[in-house]
Amino acid sequence: MQVLIVEDHADSRRALERFLAACGFDVSSAHDLASGRQLLQEREFGAIVSDIALPDGTGYALISEARSRGVNTFAIALSAYDFPVDVQEAKVTGFDHHLKKPIDLTKLRTLLETAASHSP
């Protein structure tokens, strides 16, 4: 499954890339909202893993726009905050799951593997 990672923190992005690639996923990454949007216009992804706070916008905007264009890709929000209002906003904007940083990599892998097993 192809996974798009949108994360502005370079070390975190590289760590996620390496981890997901080692798990067998085909990984592409973006460092901000604009480059994430560009990648979503260029190709289809089986999953999107996006930070919420990006330097030029939010992961909420990325997923909202993707959903409004009919992109039904499985999406996971990453955030340092997991207050009920944060989790609810992620759901309302179109994310399927919300993971709190630091990320539980086992849970991330399980979510993506489950999504991959249910995709056509």
C-alpha atoms as a PDB file:
ATOM      1  CA  MET A   1       0.000   0.000   0.000  1.00  0.00           C
ATOM      2  CA  GLN A   2       1.193   3.492  -0.810  1.00  0.00           C
ATOM      3  CA  VAL A   3       1.288   5.788   2.233  1.00  0.00           C
ATOM      4  CA  LEU A   4       1.647   9.557   2.216  1.00  0.00           C
ATOM      5  CA  ILE A   5       3.288  11.072   5.294  1.00  0.00           C
ATOM      6  CA  VAL A   6       2.807  14.809   5.851  1.00  0.00           C
ATOM      7  CA  GLU A   7       5.050  15.935   8.704  1.00  0.00           C
ATOM      8  CA  ASP A   8       7.029  19.162   9.043  1.00  0.00           C
ATOM      9  CA  HIS A   9       9.521  17.918  11.627  1.00  0.00           C
ATOM     10  CA  ALA A  10      12.309  16.449   9.473  1.00  0.00           C
ATOM     11  CA  ASP A  11      13.588  13.883  11.994  1.00  0.00           C
ATOM     12  CA  SER A  12      10.077  12.612  12.732  1.00  0.00           C
ATOM     13  CA  ARG A  13       9.279  12.435   9.019  1.00  0.00           C
ATOM     14  CA  ARG A  14      12.434  10.442   8.251  1.00  0.00           C
ATOM     15  CA  ALA A  15      11.805   8.094  11.193  1.00  0.00           C
ATOM     16  CA  LEU A  16       8.250   7.437   9.993  1.00  0.00           C
ATOM     17  CA  GLU A  17       9.498   6.897   6.427  1.00  0.00           C
ATOM     18  CA  ARG A  18      12.077   4.340   7.563  1.00  0.00           C
ATOM     19  CA  PHE A  19       9.678   2.549   9.909  1.00  0.00           C
ATOM     20  CA  LEU A  20       6.839   2.264   7.396  1.00  0.00           C
ATOM     21  CA  ALA A  21       9.185   1.233   4.586  1.00  0.00           C
ATOM     22  CA  ALA A  22      10.600  -1.494   6.856  1.00  0.00           C
ATOM     23  CA  CYS A  23       6.994  -2.627   7.426  1.00  0.00           C
ATOM     24  CA  GLY A  24       6.604  -3.070   3.671  1.00  0.00           C
ATOM     25  CA  PHE A  25       4.728   0.105   2.771  1.00  0.00           C
ATOM     26  CA  ASP A  26       5.564   2.248  -0.267  1.00  0.00           C
ATOM     27  CA  VAL A  27       6.145   5.648   1.348  1.00  0.00           C
ATOM     28  CA  SER A  28       6.077   9.194  -0.028  1.00  0.00           C
ATOM     29  CA  SER A  29       6.400  12.230   2.166  1.00  0.00           C
ATOM     30  CA  ALA A  30       5.735  15.929   2.291  1.00  0.00           C
ATOM     31  CA  HIS A  31       6.985  18.588   4.694  1.00  0.00           C
ATOM     32  CA  ASP A  32       4.039  20.995   4.507  1.00  0.00           C
ATOM     33  CA  LEU A  33       0.446  21.438   3.400  1.00  0.00           C
ATOM     34  CA  ALA A  34       1.338  22.659  -0.107  1.00  0.00           C
ATOM     35  CA  SER A  35       3.598  19.705  -0.921  1.00  0.00           C
ATOM     36  CA  GLY A  36       1.045  17.289   0.577  1.00  0.00           C
ATOM     37  CA  ARG A  37      -1.654  18.761  -1.649  1.00  0.00           C
ATOM     38  CA  GLN A  38       0.625  18.448  -4.666  1.00  0.00           C
ATOM     39  CA  LEU A  39       1.339  14.772  -4.031  1.00  0.00           C
ATOM     40  CA  LEU A  40      -2.379  14.050  -3.562  1.00  0.00           C
ATOM     41  CA  GLN A  41      -3.071  15.633  -6.960  1.00  0.00           C
ATOM     42  CA  GLU A  42      -0.328  13.610  -8.660  1.00  0.00           C
ATOM     43  CA  ARG A  43      -1.204  10.115  -7.423  1.00  0.00           C
ATOM     44  CA  GLU A  44      -3.463   7.978  -5.299  1.00  0.00           C
ATOM     45  CA  PHE A  45      -2.515   6.730  -1.858  1.00  0.00           C
ATOM     46  CA  GLY A  46      -3.927   3.902   0.197  1.00  0.00           C
ATOM     47  CA  ALA A  47      -3.400   5.938   3.363  1.00  0.00           C
ATOM     48  CA  ILE A  48      -2.449   9.400   4.559  1.00  0.00           C
ATOM     49  CA  VAL A  49      -0.653   9.960   7.856  1.00  0.00           C
ATOM     50  CA  SER A  50      -0.629  13.682   8.592  1.00  0.00           C
ATOM     51  CA  ASP A  51       0.522  15.943  11.342  1.00  0.00           C
ATOM     52  CA  ILE A  52      -2.110  18.502  12.289  1.00  0.00           C
ATOM     53  CA  ALA A  53       0.130  21.546  12.816  1.00  0.00           C
ATOM     54  CA  LEU A  54       1.951  22.328   9.573  1.00  0.00           C
ATOM     55  CA  PRO A  55       3.926  25.499   8.803  1.00  0.00           C
ATOM     56  CA  ASP A  56       1.544  26.652   6.059  1.00  0.00           C
ATOM     57  CA  GLY A  57      -1.771  25.284   7.311  1.00  0.00           C
ATOM     58  CA  THR A  58      -3.185  22.200   8.974  1.00  0.00           C
ATOM     59  CA  GLY A  59      -3.710  18.526   8.384  1.00  0.00           C
ATOM     60  CA  TYR A  60      -7.402  19.303   8.886  1.00  0.00           C
ATOM     61  CA  ALA A  61      -7.319  21.446   5.726  1.00  0.00           C
ATOM     62  CA  LEU A  62      -5.493  18.720   3.798  1.00  0.00           C
ATOM     63  CA  ILE A  63      -8.027  16.033   4.648  1.00  0.00           C
ATOM     64  CA  SER A  64     -11.052  18.324   4.270  1.00  0.00           C
ATOM     65  CA  GLU A  65      -9.924  19.278   0.767  1.00  0.00           C
ATOM     66  CA  ALA A  66      -9.157  15.686  -0.159  1.00  0.00           C
ATOM     67  CA  ARG A  67     -12.572  14.530   1.062  1.00  0.00           C
ATOM     68  CA  SER A  68     -14.333  17.345  -0.820  1.00  0.00           C
ATOM     69  CA  ARG A  69     -12.618  16.125  -4.019  1.00  0.00           C
ATOM     70  CA  GLY A  70     -13.909  12.592  -3.396  1.00  0.00           C
ATOM     71  CA  VAL A  71     -10.667  11.101  -2.057  1.00  0.00           C
ATOM     72  CA  ASN A  72     -11.722   8.302   0.293  1.00  0.00           C
ATOM     73  CA  THR A  73      -8.226   7.322   1.383  1.00  0.00           C
ATOM     74  CA  PHE A  74      -7.767   5.987   4.922  1.00  0.00           C
ATOM     75  CA  ALA A  75      -6.380   8.878   7.003  1.00  0.00           C
ATOM     76  CA  ILE A  76      -4.634   9.121  10.374  1.00  0.00           C
ATOM     77  CA  ALA A  77      -4.120  12.412  12.210  1.00  0.00           C
ATOM     78  CA  LEU A  78      -0.968  12.918  14.286  1.00  0.00           C
ATOM     79  CA  SER A  79      -1.043  15.492  17.070  1.00  0.00           C
ATOM     80  CA  ALA A  80       0.589  16.345  20.357  1.00  0.00           C
ATOM     81  CA  TYR A  81      -2.914  16.961  21.664  1.00  0.00           C
ATOM     82  CA  ASP A  82      -5.584  14.357  22.332  1.00  0.00           C
ATOM     83  CA  PHE A  83      -8.227  16.335  24.141  1.00  0.00           C
ATOM     84  CA  PRO A  84     -11.729  15.214  23.159  1.00  0.00           C
ATOM     85  CA  VAL A  85     -12.198  18.394  21.099  1.00  0.00           C
ATOM     86  CA  ASP A  86      -9.013  17.611  19.107  1.00  0.00           C
ATOM     87  CA  VAL A  87     -10.075  14.033  18.421  1.00  0.00           C
ATOM     88  CA  GLN A  88     -13.557  15.217  17.424  1.00  0.00           C
ATOM     89  CA  GLU A  89     -12.175  17.865  15.043  1.00  0.00           C
ATOM     90  CA  ALA A  90     -10.039  15.219  13.366  1.00  0.00           C
ATOM     91  CA  LYS A  91     -13.131  13.039  12.828  1.00  0.00           C
ATOM     92  CA  VAL A  92     -15.283  15.925  11.595  1.00  0.00           C
ATOM     93  CA  THR A  93     -12.691  17.011   9.028  1.00  0.00           C
ATOM     94  CA  GLY A  94     -12.373  13.484   7.637  1.00  0.00           C
ATOM     95  CA  PHE A  95      -9.670  11.604   9.518  1.00  0.00           C
ATOM     96  CA  ASP A  96     -10.414   7.987  10.343  1.00  0.00           C
ATOM     97  CA  HIS A  97      -8.130   7.859  13.392  1.00  0.00           C
ATOM     98  CA  HIS A  98      -6.258  10.227  15.691  1.00  0.00           C
ATOM     99  CA  LEU A  99      -2.921   9.259  17.244  1.00  0.00           C
ATOM    100  CA  LYS A 100      -1.197  11.258  19.954  1.00  0.00           C
ATOM    101  CA  LYS A 101       2.496  12.059  19.702  1.00  0.00           C
ATOM    102  CA  PRO A 102       4.772  10.442  20.584  1.00  0.00           C
ATOM    103  CA  ILE A 103       3.247   7.898  18.260  1.00  0.00           C
ATOM    104  CA  ASP A 104       2.704   4.290  19.270  1.00  0.00           C
ATOM    105  CA  LEU A 105       4.368   2.748  16.208  1.00  0.00           C
ATOM    106  CA  THR A 106       2.798  -0.649  16.814  1.00  0.00           C
ATOM    107  CA  LYS A 107      -0.657   0.909  16.745  1.00  0.00           C
ATOM    108  CA  LEU A 108       0.196   2.903  13.602  1.00  0.00           C
ATOM    109  CA  ARG A 109       1.399  -0.241  11.864  1.00  0.00           C
ATOM    110  CA  THR A 110      -1.696  -2.199  12.925  1.00  0.00           C
ATOM    111  CA  LEU A 111      -4.041   0.538  11.666  1.00  0.00           C
ATOM    112  CA  LEU A 112      -2.278   0.689   8.298  1.00  0.00           C
ATOM    113  CA  GLU A 113      -2.103  -3.086   7.908  1.00  0.00           C
ATOM    114  CA  THR A 114      -5.812  -3.354   8.696  1.00  0.00           C
ATOM    115  CA  ALA A 115      -6.599  -0.627   6.153  1.00  0.00           C
ATOM    116  CA  ALA A 116      -4.432  -2.370   3.543  1.00  0.00           C
ATOM    117  CA  SER A 117      -6.213  -5.672   4.105  1.00  0.00           C
ATOM    118  CA  HIS A 118      -9.593  -4.004   3.488  1.00  0.00           C
ATOM    119  CA  SER A 119      -8.627  -1.988   0.419  1.00  0.00           C
ATOM    120  CA  PRO A 120      -9.525  -3.243  -3.062  1.00  0.00           C
END
